[in-house]
Amino acid sequence: MSTLTIQNLQDYLALKYHDENLATGLFMKLVEEVGETAEVLNIMAGRKHEDATHSLASELVDVIHYALAIATVHNIDLTRALIEKDQRASIKYNQSPNLKEFIGSTHDS
C-alpha cells in the first residue's frame, strides 16, 4: 500500500473540489459527519441503544475528508499549517518534542 500524506490527499481533493464557493456546502457536510461520528461514539459508550449503521473509522474518514476539502478550496497547505500551529502550541504549553522535531527524529532513525 502506498503512503498517504496530507499533501497528496489535498492534491487529490483539489481534483474534486476547486471552487471556494463550495466551502459552505462542504462545511455543512462536515458538520453532518461530525454529528454521525457523535452518534457512533454514543452507541459505543452505551448512551444510545440502537444499531450503528456506520463504523467509527468510516465516520472519522468522512470528517477528515470534508475538513481537508475546505482547506483545499481555500489553498491552505494543511501540512505546513499543522506544523506551524503545533510549534506555537509547543512553546505555549512548554512541550517537547514538537511535531517538526518528531518528524525529523523519525526520519533520522
N, C-alpha and C. Protein backbone atom coordinates (compact mmCIF):
# COMPACT_ATOMS: atom_id res chain seq x y z
N MET A 1 0.84 -1.18 0.00
CA MET A 1 0.00 0.00 0.00
C MET A 1 0.89 1.25 0.00
N SER A 2 0.56 2.22 -0.81
CA SER A 2 1.31 3.47 -0.87
C SER A 2 1.09 4.30 0.38
N THR A 3 2.07 5.13 0.70
CA THR A 3 1.95 6.02 1.84
C THR A 3 1.06 7.20 1.46
N LEU A 4 0.11 7.50 2.31
CA LEU A 4 -0.78 8.63 2.09
C LEU A 4 -0.29 9.79 2.94
N THR A 5 -0.14 10.94 2.32
CA THR A 5 0.23 12.15 3.06
C THR A 5 -0.92 13.13 3.00
N ILE A 6 -0.89 14.09 3.90
CA ILE A 6 -1.90 15.14 3.86
C ILE A 6 -1.82 15.86 2.53
N GLN A 7 -0.60 16.12 2.07
CA GLN A 7 -0.43 16.86 0.81
C GLN A 7 -1.01 16.11 -0.38
N ASN A 8 -0.74 14.80 -0.50
CA ASN A 8 -1.29 14.13 -1.68
C ASN A 8 -2.79 13.93 -1.56
N LEU A 9 -3.33 13.87 -0.34
CA LEU A 9 -4.79 13.84 -0.19
C LEU A 9 -5.38 15.19 -0.60
N GLN A 10 -4.73 16.29 -0.22
CA GLN A 10 -5.21 17.60 -0.66
C GLN A 10 -5.10 17.75 -2.18
N ASP A 11 -4.04 17.23 -2.77
CA ASP A 11 -3.90 17.28 -4.23
C ASP A 11 -5.03 16.51 -4.91
N TYR A 12 -5.37 15.36 -4.35
CA TYR A 12 -6.46 14.55 -4.88
C TYR A 12 -7.79 15.29 -4.73
N LEU A 13 -8.03 15.86 -3.56
CA LEU A 13 -9.29 16.58 -3.33
C LEU A 13 -9.41 17.81 -4.22
N ALA A 14 -8.27 18.41 -4.59
CA ALA A 14 -8.29 19.56 -5.48
C ALA A 14 -8.88 19.20 -6.85
N LEU A 15 -8.76 17.94 -7.23
CA LEU A 15 -9.37 17.50 -8.49
C LEU A 15 -10.90 17.49 -8.39
N LYS A 16 -11.41 17.22 -7.19
CA LYS A 16 -12.85 17.14 -6.97
C LYS A 16 -13.46 18.49 -6.60
N TYR A 17 -12.74 19.22 -5.78
CA TYR A 17 -13.27 20.48 -5.23
C TYR A 17 -12.29 21.59 -5.57
N HIS A 18 -12.67 22.52 -6.42
CA HIS A 18 -11.73 23.55 -6.82
C HIS A 18 -12.37 24.94 -6.85
N ASP A 19 -13.48 25.10 -6.17
CA ASP A 19 -14.17 26.38 -6.17
C ASP A 19 -14.43 26.79 -4.73
N GLU A 20 -13.94 27.98 -4.34
CA GLU A 20 -14.14 28.46 -2.97
C GLU A 20 -15.62 28.54 -2.61
N ASN A 21 -16.49 28.69 -3.60
CA ASN A 21 -17.92 28.77 -3.34
C ASN A 21 -18.48 27.46 -2.78
N LEU A 22 -17.73 26.39 -2.90
CA LEU A 22 -18.16 25.10 -2.36
C LEU A 22 -17.96 25.01 -0.85
N ALA A 23 -17.20 25.93 -0.27
CA ALA A 23 -16.81 25.83 1.14
C ALA A 23 -18.01 25.72 2.07
N THR A 24 -19.06 26.48 1.84
CA THR A 24 -20.22 26.42 2.73
C THR A 24 -20.88 25.05 2.67
N GLY A 25 -21.06 24.52 1.49
CA GLY A 25 -21.64 23.19 1.34
C GLY A 25 -20.76 22.12 1.97
N LEU A 26 -19.46 22.25 1.78
CA LEU A 26 -18.53 21.30 2.39
C LEU A 26 -18.57 21.39 3.91
N PHE A 27 -18.71 22.61 4.43
CA PHE A 27 -18.80 22.76 5.87
C PHE A 27 -20.07 22.11 6.41
N MET A 28 -21.17 22.26 5.70
CA MET A 28 -22.41 21.62 6.13
C MET A 28 -22.25 20.09 6.15
N LYS A 29 -21.57 19.54 5.17
CA LYS A 29 -21.28 18.10 5.16
C LYS A 29 -20.38 17.72 6.33
N LEU A 30 -19.39 18.56 6.62
CA LEU A 30 -18.50 18.31 7.75
C LEU A 30 -19.29 18.25 9.06
N VAL A 31 -20.18 19.20 9.26
CA VAL A 31 -21.00 19.22 10.49
C VAL A 31 -21.86 17.97 10.55
N GLU A 32 -22.45 17.58 9.43
CA GLU A 32 -23.26 16.36 9.37
C GLU A 32 -22.42 15.14 9.76
N GLU A 33 -21.21 15.05 9.24
CA GLU A 33 -20.35 13.91 9.54
C GLU A 33 -19.88 13.93 11.00
N VAL A 34 -19.65 15.10 11.56
CA VAL A 34 -19.31 15.19 12.99
C VAL A 34 -20.48 14.66 13.82
N GLY A 35 -21.69 15.02 13.42
CA GLY A 35 -22.88 14.50 14.11
C GLY A 35 -22.98 12.99 14.02
N GLU A 36 -22.70 12.43 12.85
CA GLU A 36 -22.74 10.98 12.68
C GLU A 36 -21.64 10.31 13.52
N THR A 37 -20.48 10.97 13.63
CA THR A 37 -19.42 10.46 14.49
C THR A 37 -19.87 10.45 15.94
N ALA A 38 -20.55 11.51 16.37
CA ALA A 38 -21.08 11.58 17.73
C ALA A 38 -22.08 10.46 17.99
N GLU A 39 -22.92 10.17 17.00
CA GLU A 39 -23.89 9.08 17.14
C GLU A 39 -23.19 7.75 17.38
N VAL A 40 -22.18 7.46 16.58
CA VAL A 40 -21.44 6.20 16.73
C VAL A 40 -20.77 6.14 18.10
N LEU A 41 -20.14 7.24 18.52
CA LEU A 41 -19.48 7.26 19.83
C LEU A 41 -20.49 7.07 20.96
N ASN A 42 -21.67 7.67 20.84
CA ASN A 42 -22.71 7.48 21.85
C ASN A 42 -23.18 6.04 21.91
N ILE A 43 -23.31 5.40 20.78
CA ILE A 43 -23.70 3.99 20.75
C ILE A 43 -22.61 3.14 21.38
N MET A 44 -21.36 3.42 21.01
CA MET A 44 -20.24 2.65 21.56
C MET A 44 -20.13 2.80 23.08
N ALA A 45 -20.47 3.99 23.59
CA ALA A 45 -20.38 4.26 25.02
C ALA A 45 -21.61 3.79 25.78
N GLY A 46 -22.62 3.28 25.06
CA GLY A 46 -23.83 2.79 25.71
C GLY A 46 -24.83 3.87 26.06
N ARG A 47 -24.61 5.10 25.60
CA ARG A 47 -25.56 6.17 25.87
C ARG A 47 -26.75 6.13 24.93
N LYS A 48 -26.59 5.46 23.82
CA LYS A 48 -27.69 5.26 22.87
C LYS A 48 -27.77 3.78 22.58
N HIS A 49 -28.97 3.30 22.47
CA HIS A 49 -29.17 1.88 22.24
C HIS A 49 -29.85 1.67 20.90
N GLU A 50 -29.04 1.67 19.87
CA GLU A 50 -29.52 1.38 18.52
C GLU A 50 -28.38 0.78 17.74
N ASP A 51 -28.70 0.24 16.62
CA ASP A 51 -27.68 -0.37 15.78
C ASP A 51 -26.89 0.72 15.06
N ALA A 52 -25.59 0.63 15.15
CA ALA A 52 -24.73 1.56 14.42
C ALA A 52 -24.70 1.13 12.97
N THR A 53 -25.08 2.04 12.08
CA THR A 53 -25.06 1.69 10.65
C THR A 53 -23.71 2.00 10.02
N HIS A 54 -22.92 2.80 10.70
CA HIS A 54 -21.60 3.16 10.18
C HIS A 54 -20.56 2.90 11.27
N SER A 55 -19.36 2.64 10.84
CA SER A 55 -18.29 2.41 11.80
C SER A 55 -17.65 3.75 12.18
N LEU A 56 -17.01 3.76 13.33
CA LEU A 56 -16.30 4.95 13.76
C LEU A 56 -15.24 5.33 12.73
N ALA A 57 -14.51 4.36 12.23
CA ALA A 57 -13.48 4.64 11.22
C ALA A 57 -14.07 5.33 10.00
N SER A 58 -15.19 4.85 9.53
CA SER A 58 -15.83 5.41 8.35
C SER A 58 -16.24 6.86 8.59
N GLU A 59 -16.80 7.12 9.76
CA GLU A 59 -17.25 8.48 10.07
C GLU A 59 -16.06 9.43 10.23
N LEU A 60 -14.99 8.96 10.87
CA LEU A 60 -13.80 9.81 11.02
C LEU A 60 -13.17 10.12 9.66
N VAL A 61 -13.18 9.15 8.77
CA VAL A 61 -12.67 9.39 7.42
C VAL A 61 -13.48 10.49 6.74
N ASP A 62 -14.79 10.45 6.91
CA ASP A 62 -15.65 11.49 6.32
C ASP A 62 -15.33 12.87 6.90
N VAL A 63 -15.10 12.94 8.21
CA VAL A 63 -14.76 14.21 8.86
C VAL A 63 -13.45 14.74 8.29
N ILE A 64 -12.45 13.88 8.19
CA ILE A 64 -11.16 14.29 7.64
C ILE A 64 -11.30 14.74 6.19
N HIS A 65 -12.07 13.98 5.42
CA HIS A 65 -12.29 14.31 4.00
C HIS A 65 -12.83 15.74 3.85
N TYR A 66 -13.90 16.05 4.56
CA TYR A 66 -14.51 17.36 4.39
C TYR A 66 -13.67 18.48 4.98
N ALA A 67 -12.98 18.24 6.09
CA ALA A 67 -12.09 19.26 6.65
C ALA A 67 -10.96 19.58 5.67
N LEU A 68 -10.38 18.55 5.09
CA LEU A 68 -9.31 18.77 4.11
C LEU A 68 -9.84 19.41 2.83
N ALA A 69 -11.04 19.06 2.43
CA ALA A 69 -11.63 19.66 1.23
C ALA A 69 -11.83 21.16 1.42
N ILE A 70 -12.28 21.58 2.61
CA ILE A 70 -12.45 23.01 2.89
C ILE A 70 -11.10 23.71 2.81
N ALA A 71 -10.08 23.13 3.41
CA ALA A 71 -8.74 23.71 3.34
C ALA A 71 -8.26 23.79 1.90
N THR A 72 -8.54 22.76 1.14
CA THR A 72 -8.08 22.69 -0.25
C THR A 72 -8.68 23.80 -1.10
N VAL A 73 -9.99 24.02 -0.99
CA VAL A 73 -10.61 25.06 -1.83
C VAL A 73 -10.15 26.46 -1.43
N HIS A 74 -9.59 26.58 -0.23
CA HIS A 74 -9.05 27.87 0.21
C HIS A 74 -7.53 27.92 0.10
N ASN A 75 -6.95 26.95 -0.61
CA ASN A 75 -5.50 26.90 -0.85
C ASN A 75 -4.67 26.94 0.44
N ILE A 76 -5.14 26.23 1.45
CA ILE A 76 -4.41 26.13 2.71
C ILE A 76 -3.57 24.86 2.68
N ASP A 77 -2.29 25.00 2.88
CA ASP A 77 -1.38 23.86 2.98
C ASP A 77 -1.47 23.35 4.41
N LEU A 78 -2.28 22.32 4.63
CA LEU A 78 -2.51 21.83 5.98
C LEU A 78 -1.27 21.22 6.62
N THR A 79 -0.39 20.65 5.84
CA THR A 79 0.84 20.11 6.40
C THR A 79 1.62 21.24 7.08
N ARG A 80 1.83 22.31 6.35
CA ARG A 80 2.55 23.45 6.90
C ARG A 80 1.78 24.08 8.07
N ALA A 81 0.47 24.22 7.92
CA ALA A 81 -0.35 24.82 8.98
C ALA A 81 -0.32 23.99 10.26
N LEU A 82 -0.35 22.67 10.13
CA LEU A 82 -0.28 21.80 11.31
C LEU A 82 1.05 21.95 12.03
N ILE A 83 2.13 21.96 11.27
CA ILE A 83 3.46 22.09 11.87
C ILE A 83 3.61 23.44 12.56
N GLU A 84 3.17 24.51 11.89
CA GLU A 84 3.29 25.85 12.47
C GLU A 84 2.43 25.99 13.73
N LYS A 85 1.21 25.50 13.68
CA LYS A 85 0.31 25.59 14.85
C LYS A 85 0.88 24.77 16.01
N ASP A 86 1.41 23.58 15.71
CA ASP A 86 1.98 22.75 16.76
C ASP A 86 3.21 23.41 17.38
N GLN A 87 4.02 24.08 16.56
CA GLN A 87 5.19 24.77 17.11
C GLN A 87 4.76 25.86 18.09
N ARG A 88 3.72 26.62 17.74
CA ARG A 88 3.22 27.66 18.65
C ARG A 88 2.68 27.04 19.93
N ALA A 89 1.93 25.94 19.80
CA ALA A 89 1.37 25.27 20.98
C ALA A 89 2.47 24.68 21.85
N SER A 90 3.50 24.13 21.24
CA SER A 90 4.61 23.55 22.00
C SER A 90 5.31 24.61 22.84
N ILE A 91 5.45 25.79 22.28
CA ILE A 91 6.05 26.89 23.04
C ILE A 91 5.11 27.34 24.15
N LYS A 92 3.85 27.52 23.80
CA LYS A 92 2.86 27.99 24.78
C LYS A 92 2.73 27.04 25.96
N TYR A 93 2.71 25.74 25.69
CA TYR A 93 2.50 24.74 26.74
C TYR A 93 3.79 24.04 27.18
N ASN A 94 4.93 24.56 26.70
CA ASN A 94 6.25 24.04 27.08
C ASN A 94 6.32 22.52 26.89
N GLN A 95 6.00 22.08 25.67
CA GLN A 95 6.00 20.65 25.36
C GLN A 95 7.10 20.33 24.36
N SER A 96 7.66 19.16 24.53
CA SER A 96 8.71 18.72 23.62
C SER A 96 8.58 17.21 23.44
N PRO A 97 8.82 16.68 22.28
CA PRO A 97 9.21 17.39 21.07
C PRO A 97 7.99 18.02 20.41
N ASN A 98 8.23 19.00 19.55
CA ASN A 98 7.12 19.50 18.74
C ASN A 98 7.00 18.61 17.50
N LEU A 99 5.98 18.83 16.72
CA LEU A 99 5.73 17.97 15.56
C LEU A 99 6.89 17.98 14.56
N LYS A 100 7.45 19.15 14.32
CA LYS A 100 8.56 19.24 13.36
C LYS A 100 9.76 18.42 13.85
N GLU A 101 10.07 18.51 15.15
CA GLU A 101 11.16 17.73 15.72
C GLU A 101 10.85 16.23 15.66
N PHE A 102 9.60 15.88 15.95
CA PHE A 102 9.18 14.48 15.92
C PHE A 102 9.34 13.90 14.52
N ILE A 103 8.88 14.64 13.52
CA ILE A 103 9.00 14.18 12.14
C ILE A 103 10.47 14.00 11.77
N GLY A 104 11.30 14.96 12.17
CA GLY A 104 12.73 14.87 11.89
C GLY A 104 13.39 13.68 12.56
N SER A 105 12.97 13.38 13.79
CA SER A 105 13.58 12.27 14.51
C SER A 105 13.15 10.91 13.95
N THR A 106 11.95 10.83 13.39
CA THR A 106 11.51 9.56 12.82
C THR A 106 12.21 9.27 11.50
N HIS A 107 12.67 10.32 10.82
CA HIS A 107 13.39 10.13 9.57
C HIS A 107 14.88 9.91 9.80
N ASP A 108 15.37 10.27 10.99
CA ASP A 108 16.78 10.08 11.30
C ASP A 108 17.10 8.65 11.69
N SER A 109 16.06 7.91 12.13
CA SER A 109 16.28 6.53 12.62
C SER A 109 16.63 5.56 11.53
